[in-house]
Structures are given as C-alpha cells and as structure tokens.
C-alpha cells in the first residue's frame, strides 16, 4: 500500500488555503508515489504539521516556521521514493 501524507492545520488560524495549496502541489508531484494527501483540521490552536503514515516529518512550532514547498517535497520524496528526481526542486 502506498503511504498517505497528512497535513494537520489550524482552521482557526486560517491555514486551510495554505494547506490545500500544499496538498495540490504534493499530489501533482507524487501522483504515482502516494495513496493520497489528507487535510486534517487540528483541534489544537496554531498547529501545522506534516506526517507520512503517522510519522511526523515537519512541525511548524518545532521549526519555528512553515516549510517552503521545495523543502516539503524533498522531505516526502526521501521517504516515499528516494530515487525520484524533483527537477528544479532538487537539493543543490
């Protein structure tokens, strides 16, 4: 079974649009590599985290910032398909 990426976001903070955009980017990039991307409204204020099959790979509070999409794609790629080229989003 392919992995599922979960974006947990704070709806009270207005982060649905950012999360939906990130989900669209991830689904476009990882069409053949993931089962899907789940948008999960958090019950906790200020939360924005990303996990793959329940394993957290990014947390806004721990990092002190949001991930940029390039970074997020690299983190997910390293888990779901390490051989996949991300083209212009590749690490320099």
Protein backbone atom coordinates (compact mmCIF):
# COMPACT_ATOMS: atom_id res chain seq x y z
CA UNK A 1 0.00 0.00 0.00
CA UNK A 2 1.26 3.45 -0.87
CA UNK A 3 1.78 5.91 2.01
CA UNK A 4 -0.65 8.66 2.96
CA UNK A 5 0.58 12.19 3.65
CA UNK A 6 -1.35 14.13 6.30
CA UNK A 7 -1.32 17.90 6.62
CA UNK A 8 -2.69 18.87 10.04
CA UNK A 9 -3.55 22.55 10.16
CA UNK A 10 -5.21 25.04 12.48
CA UNK A 11 -8.55 26.11 10.96
CA UNK A 12 -8.88 28.97 13.46
CA UNK A 13 -5.60 30.43 12.17
CA UNK A 14 -6.89 30.44 8.59
CA UNK A 15 -4.36 27.92 7.29
CA UNK A 16 -6.77 25.86 5.17
CA UNK A 17 -5.85 27.65 1.92
CA UNK A 18 -2.11 27.19 2.53
CA UNK A 19 -2.70 23.51 3.35
CA UNK A 20 -4.88 22.96 0.28
CA UNK A 21 -2.25 24.55 -1.97
CA UNK A 22 0.47 22.35 -0.45
CA UNK A 23 -1.75 19.28 -0.88
CA UNK A 24 -2.26 20.13 -4.56
CA UNK A 25 1.49 20.54 -5.07
CA UNK A 26 2.20 17.23 -3.35
CA UNK A 27 -0.46 15.34 -5.29
CA UNK A 28 0.89 16.75 -8.55
CA UNK A 29 4.48 15.79 -7.70
CA UNK A 30 3.81 12.40 -6.11
CA UNK A 31 0.90 11.12 -8.24
CA UNK A 32 2.35 7.60 -8.52
CA UNK A 33 4.04 7.52 -5.11
CA UNK A 34 1.34 8.24 -2.52
CA UNK A 35 -2.11 6.87 -1.75
CA UNK A 36 -3.31 10.42 -1.12
CA UNK A 37 -2.95 13.61 0.87
CA UNK A 38 -5.25 14.10 3.84
CA UNK A 39 -6.16 17.58 5.10
CA UNK A 40 -6.82 17.25 8.82
CA UNK A 41 -8.20 20.23 10.80
CA UNK A 42 -6.42 20.28 14.13
CA UNK A 43 -8.15 20.55 17.47
CA UNK A 44 -5.14 22.50 18.75
CA UNK A 45 -4.58 26.18 18.01
CA UNK A 46 -1.51 27.07 16.00
CA UNK A 47 -0.77 23.55 14.81
CA UNK A 48 0.66 22.86 11.39
CA UNK A 49 2.40 19.53 10.95
CA UNK A 50 3.09 17.08 8.17
CA UNK A 51 3.28 13.32 8.58
CA UNK A 52 3.68 10.31 6.34
CA UNK A 53 1.74 7.27 7.55
CA UNK A 54 1.54 8.77 11.03
CA UNK A 55 5.26 9.61 11.33
CA UNK A 56 5.76 13.36 11.78
CA UNK A 57 8.28 14.81 9.33
CA UNK A 58 7.68 18.53 9.92
CA UNK A 59 6.18 20.60 12.74
CA UNK A 60 5.76 24.37 12.47
CA UNK A 61 6.22 25.00 16.19
CA UNK A 62 9.37 22.86 16.41
CA UNK A 63 10.89 24.51 13.33
CA UNK A 64 9.65 28.00 14.21
CA UNK A 65 8.33 28.47 10.67
CA UNK A 66 6.31 26.94 7.87
CA UNK A 67 8.12 24.69 5.40
CA UNK A 68 8.59 26.01 1.91
CA UNK A 69 7.19 23.70 -0.74
CA UNK A 70 10.64 22.73 -2.05
CA UNK A 71 11.70 21.55 1.41
CA UNK A 72 8.44 19.69 1.95
CA UNK A 73 8.72 17.88 -1.38
CA UNK A 74 12.29 16.84 -0.56
CA UNK A 75 11.28 15.51 2.88
CA UNK A 76 8.41 13.50 1.43
CA UNK A 77 10.42 12.25 -1.56
CA UNK A 78 13.15 10.96 0.77
CA UNK A 79 10.52 8.71 2.38
CA UNK A 80 8.16 7.68 -0.43
CA UNK A 81 10.57 7.42 -3.38
CA UNK A 82 14.22 8.32 -2.64
CA UNK A 83 15.24 7.72 -6.27
CA UNK A 84 12.71 10.25 -7.65
CA UNK A 85 14.13 13.36 -9.27
CA UNK A 86 12.40 16.58 -8.28
CA UNK A 87 13.85 18.55 -11.17
CA UNK A 88 14.22 22.21 -10.25
CA UNK A 89 13.19 21.45 -6.66
CA UNK A 90 16.22 19.20 -6.18
CA UNK A 91 18.70 19.96 -3.40
CA UNK A 92 21.68 21.98 -4.58
